[in-house]
Amino acid sequence: MELLFVALFGTLIGLGARYFLPGRSTQGSVLVPAIGTAAASFVWVALTWLGWNWAGGWIWWVSLGAACAASVVLNLLISRRRIHADQRLLQALAKTGTA
């Protein structure tokens, strides 16, 4: 049951990263929330396997912190790479007329 809550909070963190960070137009609407969900769930399961108590507070902080870090870093990285790729493609099309 706790994994469900962690996944939900990871999704909410990903939604926040999607709508509060720049580059929203360069990616799909569920990409960053999916990254937040996957990061929070993966870290939660890994820490549970390592023996961390699911009722303790640290597992929550680490899992949701990882979701926040992954959502922010990957959102900025993906949007920056897609903007540069679009600019290169536009320059190639303007110069030769074909990609």
N, C-alpha and C. Protein backbone atom coordinates (compact mmCIF):
# COMPACT_ATOMS: atom_id res chain seq x y z
N MET A 1 0.82 -1.19 0.00
CA MET A 1 0.00 0.00 0.00
C MET A 1 0.86 1.25 0.00
N GLU A 2 1.97 1.21 0.74
CA GLU A 2 2.85 2.38 0.79
C GLU A 2 3.49 2.66 -0.56
N LEU A 3 3.77 1.61 -1.32
CA LEU A 3 4.34 1.80 -2.65
C LEU A 3 3.37 2.57 -3.55
N LEU A 4 2.09 2.35 -3.38
CA LEU A 4 1.09 3.10 -4.14
C LEU A 4 1.16 4.58 -3.80
N PHE A 5 1.28 4.89 -2.51
CA PHE A 5 1.38 6.29 -2.10
C PHE A 5 2.68 6.93 -2.60
N VAL A 6 3.76 6.18 -2.54
CA VAL A 6 5.04 6.71 -3.04
C VAL A 6 4.94 6.99 -4.54
N ALA A 7 4.32 6.08 -5.28
CA ALA A 7 4.15 6.29 -6.72
C ALA A 7 3.27 7.51 -6.99
N LEU A 8 2.22 7.68 -6.21
CA LEU A 8 1.34 8.84 -6.38
C LEU A 8 2.08 10.14 -6.09
N PHE A 9 2.84 10.17 -4.99
CA PHE A 9 3.60 11.38 -4.67
C PHE A 9 4.69 11.64 -5.71
N GLY A 10 5.30 10.58 -6.25
CA GLY A 10 6.28 10.75 -7.32
C GLY A 10 5.64 11.35 -8.57
N THR A 11 4.42 10.93 -8.86
CA THR A 11 3.68 11.49 -9.99
C THR A 11 3.40 12.97 -9.78
N LEU A 12 2.99 13.32 -8.57
CA LEU A 12 2.71 14.73 -8.26
C LEU A 12 3.98 15.59 -8.34
N ILE A 13 5.09 15.04 -7.89
CA ILE A 13 6.36 15.76 -8.00
C ILE A 13 6.72 15.95 -9.47
N GLY A 14 6.53 14.91 -10.28
CA GLY A 14 6.79 15.03 -11.72
C GLY A 14 5.88 16.03 -12.40
N LEU A 15 4.62 16.08 -11.99
CA LEU A 15 3.70 17.09 -12.54
C LEU A 15 4.16 18.50 -12.18
N GLY A 16 4.59 18.66 -10.94
CA GLY A 16 5.11 19.97 -10.53
C GLY A 16 6.32 20.38 -11.34
N ALA A 17 7.23 19.43 -11.55
CA ALA A 17 8.41 19.73 -12.36
C ALA A 17 8.02 20.07 -13.79
N ARG A 18 7.04 19.38 -14.32
CA ARG A 18 6.61 19.65 -15.70
C ARG A 18 6.05 21.04 -15.85
N TYR A 19 5.24 21.48 -14.91
CA TYR A 19 4.56 22.75 -15.07
C TYR A 19 5.29 23.95 -14.48
N PHE A 20 6.29 23.73 -13.64
CA PHE A 20 7.02 24.86 -13.07
C PHE A 20 8.37 25.09 -13.70
N LEU A 21 8.86 24.16 -14.52
CA LEU A 21 10.15 24.32 -15.17
C LEU A 21 9.95 24.65 -16.65
N PRO A 22 10.93 25.31 -17.27
CA PRO A 22 10.79 25.65 -18.69
C PRO A 22 10.94 24.42 -19.59
N GLY A 23 10.52 24.57 -20.83
CA GLY A 23 10.68 23.52 -21.83
C GLY A 23 9.50 22.58 -21.93
N ARG A 24 8.37 22.99 -21.42
CA ARG A 24 7.19 22.13 -21.42
C ARG A 24 6.75 21.76 -22.83
N SER A 25 6.96 22.63 -23.78
CA SER A 25 6.48 22.38 -25.14
C SER A 25 7.34 21.37 -25.91
N THR A 26 8.47 20.97 -25.35
CA THR A 26 9.37 20.06 -26.05
C THR A 26 9.17 18.60 -25.70
N GLN A 27 8.19 18.31 -24.84
CA GLN A 27 8.01 16.93 -24.40
C GLN A 27 6.54 16.60 -24.22
N GLY A 28 6.24 15.35 -24.16
CA GLY A 28 4.87 14.90 -23.98
C GLY A 28 4.37 15.20 -22.58
N SER A 29 3.07 15.12 -22.42
CA SER A 29 2.46 15.53 -21.16
C SER A 29 2.69 14.56 -20.02
N VAL A 30 3.03 13.32 -20.30
CA VAL A 30 3.22 12.35 -19.22
C VAL A 30 4.67 11.92 -19.04
N LEU A 31 5.60 12.48 -19.79
CA LEU A 31 6.99 12.05 -19.70
C LEU A 31 7.58 12.35 -18.33
N VAL A 32 7.53 13.58 -17.90
CA VAL A 32 8.15 13.95 -16.62
C VAL A 32 7.41 13.35 -15.43
N PRO A 33 6.06 13.34 -15.40
CA PRO A 33 5.39 12.62 -14.31
C PRO A 33 5.75 11.13 -14.27
N ALA A 34 5.93 10.51 -15.43
CA ALA A 34 6.33 9.10 -15.45
C ALA A 34 7.74 8.92 -14.89
N ILE A 35 8.62 9.87 -15.17
CA ILE A 35 9.98 9.81 -14.62
C ILE A 35 9.92 9.92 -13.11
N GLY A 36 9.12 10.84 -12.58
CA GLY A 36 8.99 10.98 -11.14
C GLY A 36 8.42 9.73 -10.49
N THR A 37 7.42 9.13 -11.13
CA THR A 37 6.81 7.91 -10.61
C THR A 37 7.81 6.77 -10.59
N ALA A 38 8.52 6.59 -11.69
CA ALA A 38 9.49 5.50 -11.79
C ALA A 38 10.64 5.67 -10.80
N ALA A 39 11.14 6.88 -10.66
CA ALA A 39 12.26 7.12 -9.75
C ALA A 39 11.85 6.86 -8.31
N ALA A 40 10.71 7.39 -7.90
CA ALA A 40 10.26 7.20 -6.52
C ALA A 40 10.01 5.72 -6.24
N SER A 41 9.36 5.03 -7.16
CA SER A 41 9.05 3.61 -6.96
C SER A 41 10.31 2.76 -6.92
N PHE A 42 11.24 3.03 -7.83
CA PHE A 42 12.47 2.25 -7.88
C PHE A 42 13.29 2.42 -6.60
N VAL A 43 13.44 3.66 -6.15
CA VAL A 43 14.22 3.92 -4.95
C VAL A 43 13.53 3.30 -3.73
N TRP A 44 12.21 3.41 -3.65
CA TRP A 44 11.47 2.83 -2.53
C TRP A 44 11.68 1.32 -2.46
N VAL A 45 11.55 0.64 -3.59
CA VAL A 45 11.72 -0.81 -3.61
C VAL A 45 13.17 -1.18 -3.28
N ALA A 46 14.13 -0.46 -3.82
CA ALA A 46 15.54 -0.74 -3.54
C ALA A 46 15.84 -0.57 -2.05
N LEU A 47 15.33 0.49 -1.45
CA LEU A 47 15.57 0.71 -0.03
C LEU A 47 14.84 -0.31 0.83
N THR A 48 13.68 -0.75 0.39
CA THR A 48 12.97 -1.80 1.12
C THR A 48 13.76 -3.11 1.08
N TRP A 49 14.33 -3.44 -0.07
CA TRP A 49 15.15 -4.64 -0.18
C TRP A 49 16.41 -4.53 0.67
N LEU A 50 16.90 -3.31 0.86
CA LEU A 50 18.08 -3.11 1.70
C LEU A 50 17.75 -3.14 3.19
N GLY A 51 16.48 -3.26 3.50
CA GLY A 51 16.10 -3.42 4.89
C GLY A 51 15.61 -2.17 5.59
N TRP A 52 15.42 -1.09 4.85
CA TRP A 52 14.91 0.13 5.49
C TRP A 52 13.46 -0.11 5.90
N ASN A 53 13.10 0.45 7.03
CA ASN A 53 11.75 0.29 7.55
C ASN A 53 10.80 1.20 6.78
N TRP A 54 9.74 0.63 6.25
CA TRP A 54 8.79 1.42 5.44
C TRP A 54 7.98 2.37 6.30
N ALA A 55 7.95 2.15 7.61
CA ALA A 55 7.21 3.06 8.50
C ALA A 55 8.09 4.22 8.96
N GLY A 56 9.38 4.16 8.68
CA GLY A 56 10.28 5.23 9.07
C GLY A 56 10.20 6.41 8.11
N GLY A 57 10.66 7.54 8.57
CA GLY A 57 10.59 8.74 7.75
C GLY A 57 11.66 8.85 6.69
N TRP A 58 12.82 8.24 6.93
CA TRP A 58 13.93 8.40 5.99
C TRP A 58 13.65 7.80 4.64
N ILE A 59 12.99 6.68 4.60
CA ILE A 59 12.70 6.04 3.31
C ILE A 59 11.81 6.94 2.46
N TRP A 60 10.91 7.65 3.11
CA TRP A 60 10.04 8.59 2.39
C TRP A 60 10.84 9.76 1.85
N TRP A 61 11.69 10.35 2.69
CA TRP A 61 12.48 11.51 2.25
C TRP A 61 13.42 11.15 1.11
N VAL A 62 14.08 10.02 1.23
CA VAL A 62 15.04 9.62 0.18
C VAL A 62 14.31 9.30 -1.12
N SER A 63 13.21 8.57 -1.04
CA SER A 63 12.47 8.20 -2.25
C SER A 63 11.89 9.41 -2.95
N LEU A 64 11.26 10.29 -2.20
CA LEU A 64 10.66 11.47 -2.83
C LEU A 64 11.72 12.49 -3.25
N GLY A 65 12.83 12.54 -2.53
CA GLY A 65 13.94 13.39 -2.96
C GLY A 65 14.54 12.91 -4.27
N ALA A 66 14.66 11.60 -4.42
CA ALA A 66 15.16 11.04 -5.68
C ALA A 66 14.19 11.33 -6.82
N ALA A 67 12.90 11.26 -6.54
CA ALA A 67 11.91 11.58 -7.57
C ALA A 67 12.02 13.04 -7.98
N CYS A 68 12.22 13.91 -7.01
CA CYS A 68 12.37 15.34 -7.31
C CYS A 68 13.63 15.60 -8.13
N ALA A 69 14.73 15.03 -7.70
CA ALA A 69 15.99 15.24 -8.41
C ALA A 69 15.92 14.69 -9.84
N ALA A 70 15.39 13.49 -9.99
CA ALA A 70 15.30 12.89 -11.33
C ALA A 70 14.37 13.69 -12.22
N SER A 71 13.24 14.14 -11.69
CA SER A 71 12.29 14.90 -12.50
C SER A 71 12.89 16.22 -12.97
N VAL A 72 13.55 16.93 -12.07
CA VAL A 72 14.11 18.23 -12.42
C VAL A 72 15.27 18.08 -13.39
N VAL A 73 16.21 17.20 -13.07
CA VAL A 73 17.40 17.06 -13.91
C VAL A 73 17.03 16.55 -15.31
N LEU A 74 16.21 15.52 -15.37
CA LEU A 74 15.86 14.97 -16.69
C LEU A 74 14.96 15.90 -17.48
N ASN A 75 14.09 16.66 -16.81
CA ASN A 75 13.28 17.64 -17.52
C ASN A 75 14.16 18.68 -18.18
N LEU A 76 15.11 19.21 -17.43
CA LEU A 76 16.01 20.23 -18.00
C LEU A 76 16.89 19.64 -19.10
N LEU A 77 17.39 18.44 -18.89
CA LEU A 77 18.26 17.80 -19.88
C LEU A 77 17.51 17.48 -21.17
N ILE A 78 16.34 16.90 -21.05
CA ILE A 78 15.56 16.53 -22.23
C ILE A 78 15.13 17.76 -23.02
N SER A 79 14.64 18.78 -22.32
CA SER A 79 14.19 19.97 -23.04
C SER A 79 15.35 20.68 -23.73
N ARG A 80 16.51 20.75 -23.07
CA ARG A 80 17.68 21.39 -23.69
C ARG A 80 18.13 20.62 -24.93
N ARG A 81 18.19 19.30 -24.85
CA ARG A 81 18.63 18.50 -25.99
C ARG A 81 17.63 18.58 -27.15
N ARG A 82 16.36 18.60 -26.85
CA ARG A 82 15.36 18.67 -27.92
C ARG A 82 15.35 20.04 -28.58
N ILE A 83 15.56 21.09 -27.83
CA ILE A 83 15.62 22.43 -28.41
C ILE A 83 16.82 22.52 -29.35
N HIS A 84 17.98 22.02 -28.92
CA HIS A 84 19.17 22.06 -29.78
C HIS A 84 18.99 21.17 -31.02
N ALA A 85 18.38 20.02 -30.88
CA ALA A 85 18.15 19.15 -32.03
C ALA A 85 17.19 19.81 -33.02
N ASP A 86 16.17 20.47 -32.52
CA ASP A 86 15.24 21.17 -33.41
C ASP A 86 15.94 22.32 -34.14
N GLN A 87 16.83 23.03 -33.47
CA GLN A 87 17.56 24.12 -34.12
C GLN A 87 18.50 23.59 -35.20
N ARG A 88 19.19 22.48 -34.91
CA ARG A 88 20.07 21.89 -35.92
C ARG A 88 19.29 21.41 -37.13
N LEU A 89 18.14 20.80 -36.90
CA LEU A 89 17.31 20.33 -38.01
C LEU A 89 16.80 21.51 -38.83
N LEU A 90 16.39 22.58 -38.17
CA LEU A 90 15.92 23.76 -38.89
C LEU A 90 17.02 24.37 -39.74
N GLN A 91 18.24 24.43 -39.20
CA GLN A 91 19.36 24.96 -39.97
C GLN A 91 19.68 24.07 -41.16
N ALA A 92 19.63 22.76 -40.96
CA ALA A 92 19.90 21.84 -42.08
C ALA A 92 18.83 21.95 -43.15
N LEU A 93 17.58 22.08 -42.74
CA LEU A 93 16.50 22.22 -43.74
C LEU A 93 16.58 23.55 -44.45
N ALA A 94 16.96 24.61 -43.74
CA ALA A 94 17.05 25.93 -44.38
C ALA A 94 18.22 25.99 -45.35
N LYS A 95 19.29 25.25 -45.04
CA LYS A 95 20.47 25.31 -45.90
C LYS A 95 20.30 24.45 -47.14
N THR A 96 19.80 23.22 -47.02
CA THR A 96 19.76 22.32 -48.15
C THR A 96 18.36 22.03 -48.64
N GLY A 97 17.38 22.22 -47.81
CA GLY A 97 16.01 21.91 -48.20
C GLY A 97 15.61 20.49 -47.89
N THR A 98 16.58 19.65 -47.47
CA THR A 98 16.28 18.29 -47.05
C THR A 98 17.08 17.97 -45.80
N ALA A 99 16.59 17.01 -45.05
CA ALA A 99 17.29 16.62 -43.83
C ALA A 99 18.28 15.62 -44.18
